[in-house]
Amino acid sequence: MYDLYFGNLVPWERGRSKDPAYTPITRKISDIKVHFEELLSSEEYKKFEEMEDLQAEAGTIEDINLFEYGFSMGVLMMIEVFGFMSAAAYRIKNANTMGYLRIRQTGRNKRFERQGLLP
């Protein structure tokens, strides 16, 4: 949590991909770039590089959106998991004295209601 708070978690600095398909793909991309560099005039090649930069920028925007979505989904899943675990522990711990805790879900909202011996 300390590293998260101070911004020391930088996932993109973890190094190169360990996927075995990564190296051959990047090598092929490099070969194709060399091919176009030799084939195109310098002005055309600059336009080609501009297109590559724009594609990289669009990919980064998409990566950020996917990261935000994935992170949010993970947090929501953990809230749900720990909510159910807490409710189950509460129900077991207090079964003899307070009745039980019922989880009622309506749409996207969950309500925890106490039922049993005490109101």
Protein backbone atom coordinates (compact mmCIF):
# COMPACT_ATOMS: atom_id res chain seq x y z
CA MET A 1 0.00 0.00 0.00
CA TYR A 2 2.91 2.31 0.74
CA ASP A 3 4.25 2.00 -2.82
CA LEU A 4 0.79 2.53 -4.26
CA TYR A 5 0.28 5.69 -2.20
CA PHE A 6 3.63 7.20 -3.20
CA GLY A 7 3.30 6.27 -6.86
CA ASN A 8 6.12 3.71 -6.85
CA LEU A 9 4.09 1.05 -8.65
CA VAL A 10 4.83 1.42 -12.35
CA PRO A 11 3.62 -1.70 -14.19
CA TRP A 12 5.08 -0.70 -17.57
CA GLU A 13 8.57 -0.67 -16.04
CA ARG A 14 8.41 -4.38 -15.28
CA GLY A 15 10.54 -5.21 -18.31
CA ARG A 16 9.92 -6.89 -21.61
CA SER A 17 7.13 -9.33 -22.18
CA LYS A 18 7.92 -12.92 -21.28
CA ASP A 19 5.56 -14.23 -23.96
CA PRO A 20 7.62 -16.29 -26.43
CA ALA A 21 5.73 -14.77 -29.39
CA TYR A 22 6.87 -11.24 -28.47
CA THR A 23 10.44 -11.38 -29.85
CA PRO A 24 9.58 -12.78 -33.30
CA ILE A 25 6.77 -10.24 -33.71
CA THR A 26 8.98 -7.28 -32.80
CA ARG A 27 11.72 -8.57 -35.10
CA LYS A 28 9.23 -8.78 -37.97
CA ILE A 29 7.99 -5.23 -37.25
CA SER A 30 11.57 -3.99 -37.35
CA ASP A 31 12.21 -5.77 -40.67
CA ILE A 32 9.08 -4.23 -42.20
CA LYS A 33 10.12 -0.75 -41.03
CA VAL A 34 13.53 -1.19 -42.67
CA HIS A 35 11.78 -2.34 -45.86
CA PHE A 36 9.62 0.80 -45.98
CA GLU A 37 12.54 3.04 -45.08
CA GLU A 38 14.40 1.73 -48.12
CA LEU A 39 11.31 1.81 -50.36
CA LEU A 40 9.85 5.24 -49.56
CA SER A 41 11.23 8.70 -50.11
CA SER A 42 12.33 10.55 -46.98
CA GLU A 43 9.12 12.65 -46.99
CA GLU A 44 6.93 9.55 -47.38
CA TYR A 45 8.86 7.77 -44.66
CA LYS A 46 8.31 10.72 -42.28
CA LYS A 47 4.58 10.37 -42.95
CA PHE A 48 4.88 6.63 -42.26
CA GLU A 49 6.62 7.38 -38.92
CA GLU A 50 3.91 9.91 -38.06
CA MET A 51 1.30 7.21 -38.65
CA GLU A 52 3.24 4.84 -36.36
CA ASP A 53 3.36 7.49 -33.63
CA LEU A 54 -0.38 8.07 -33.90
CA GLN A 55 -1.04 4.32 -33.73
CA ALA A 56 1.15 4.08 -30.61
CA GLU A 57 -0.69 7.01 -29.03
CA ALA A 58 -4.08 5.44 -29.79
CA GLY A 59 -2.84 2.14 -28.35
CA THR A 60 -1.68 3.88 -25.17
CA ILE A 61 -5.08 5.52 -24.73
CA GLU A 62 -6.76 2.14 -25.15
CA ASP A 63 -4.30 0.51 -22.71
CA ILE A 64 -5.09 3.17 -20.10
CA ASN A 65 -8.83 2.61 -20.54
CA LEU A 66 -8.43 -1.16 -20.26
CA PHE A 67 -6.25 -0.79 -17.16
CA GLU A 68 -8.79 1.51 -15.48
CA TYR A 69 -11.63 -0.87 -16.33
CA GLY A 70 -9.73 -3.97 -15.17
CA PHE A 71 -8.58 -2.31 -11.95
CA SER A 72 -12.11 -1.08 -11.17
CA MET A 73 -13.58 -4.51 -11.86
CA GLY A 74 -10.98 -6.12 -9.60
CA VAL A 75 -11.75 -3.71 -6.76
CA LEU A 76 -15.50 -4.27 -7.15
CA MET A 77 -14.98 -8.04 -7.11
CA MET A 78 -12.87 -7.83 -3.95
CA ILE A 79 -15.49 -5.63 -2.26
CA GLU A 80 -18.12 -8.21 -3.11
CA VAL A 81 -15.97 -11.14 -1.96
CA PHE A 82 -15.03 -9.52 1.33
CA GLY A 83 -18.59 -8.30 1.82
CA PHE A 84 -19.93 -11.83 1.52
CA MET A 85 -17.13 -13.19 3.70
CA SER A 86 -17.81 -10.55 6.36
CA ALA A 87 -21.53 -11.25 6.24
CA ALA A 88 -20.94 -15.00 6.60
CA ALA A 89 -18.55 -14.48 9.53
CA TYR A 90 -21.03 -12.11 11.18
CA ARG A 91 -23.86 -14.61 10.72
CA ILE A 92 -21.84 -17.48 12.21
CA LYS A 93 -20.41 -15.43 15.10
CA ASN A 94 -23.74 -14.00 16.15
CA ALA A 95 -26.07 -16.86 15.26
CA ASN A 96 -27.08 -17.65 18.85
CA THR A 97 -27.50 -14.12 20.16
CA MET A 98 -28.64 -11.82 17.40
CA GLY A 99 -30.26 -14.01 14.79
CA TYR A 100 -28.66 -13.88 11.36
CA LEU A 101 -27.67 -11.39 8.73
CA ARG A 102 -29.48 -11.58 5.42
CA ILE A 103 -27.99 -10.17 2.23
CA ARG A 104 -30.63 -8.73 -0.04
CA GLN A 105 -29.69 -7.60 -3.51
CA THR A 106 -31.87 -5.29 -5.55
CA GLY A 107 -30.35 -4.37 -8.87
CA ARG A 108 -26.79 -3.21 -8.31
CA ASN A 109 -27.27 -2.38 -4.61
CA LYS A 110 -26.84 -4.78 -1.73
CA ARG A 111 -28.48 -4.30 1.65
CA PHE A 112 -27.55 -6.18 4.77
CA GLU A 113 -30.52 -6.77 7.04
CA ARG A 114 -30.49 -8.25 10.50
CA GLN A 115 -33.22 -10.78 11.14
CA GLY A 116 -33.91 -13.15 13.95
CA LEU A 117 -34.02 -12.57 17.69
CA LEU A 118 -33.33 -8.83 17.83
CA PRO A 119 -35.02 -6.19 15.67
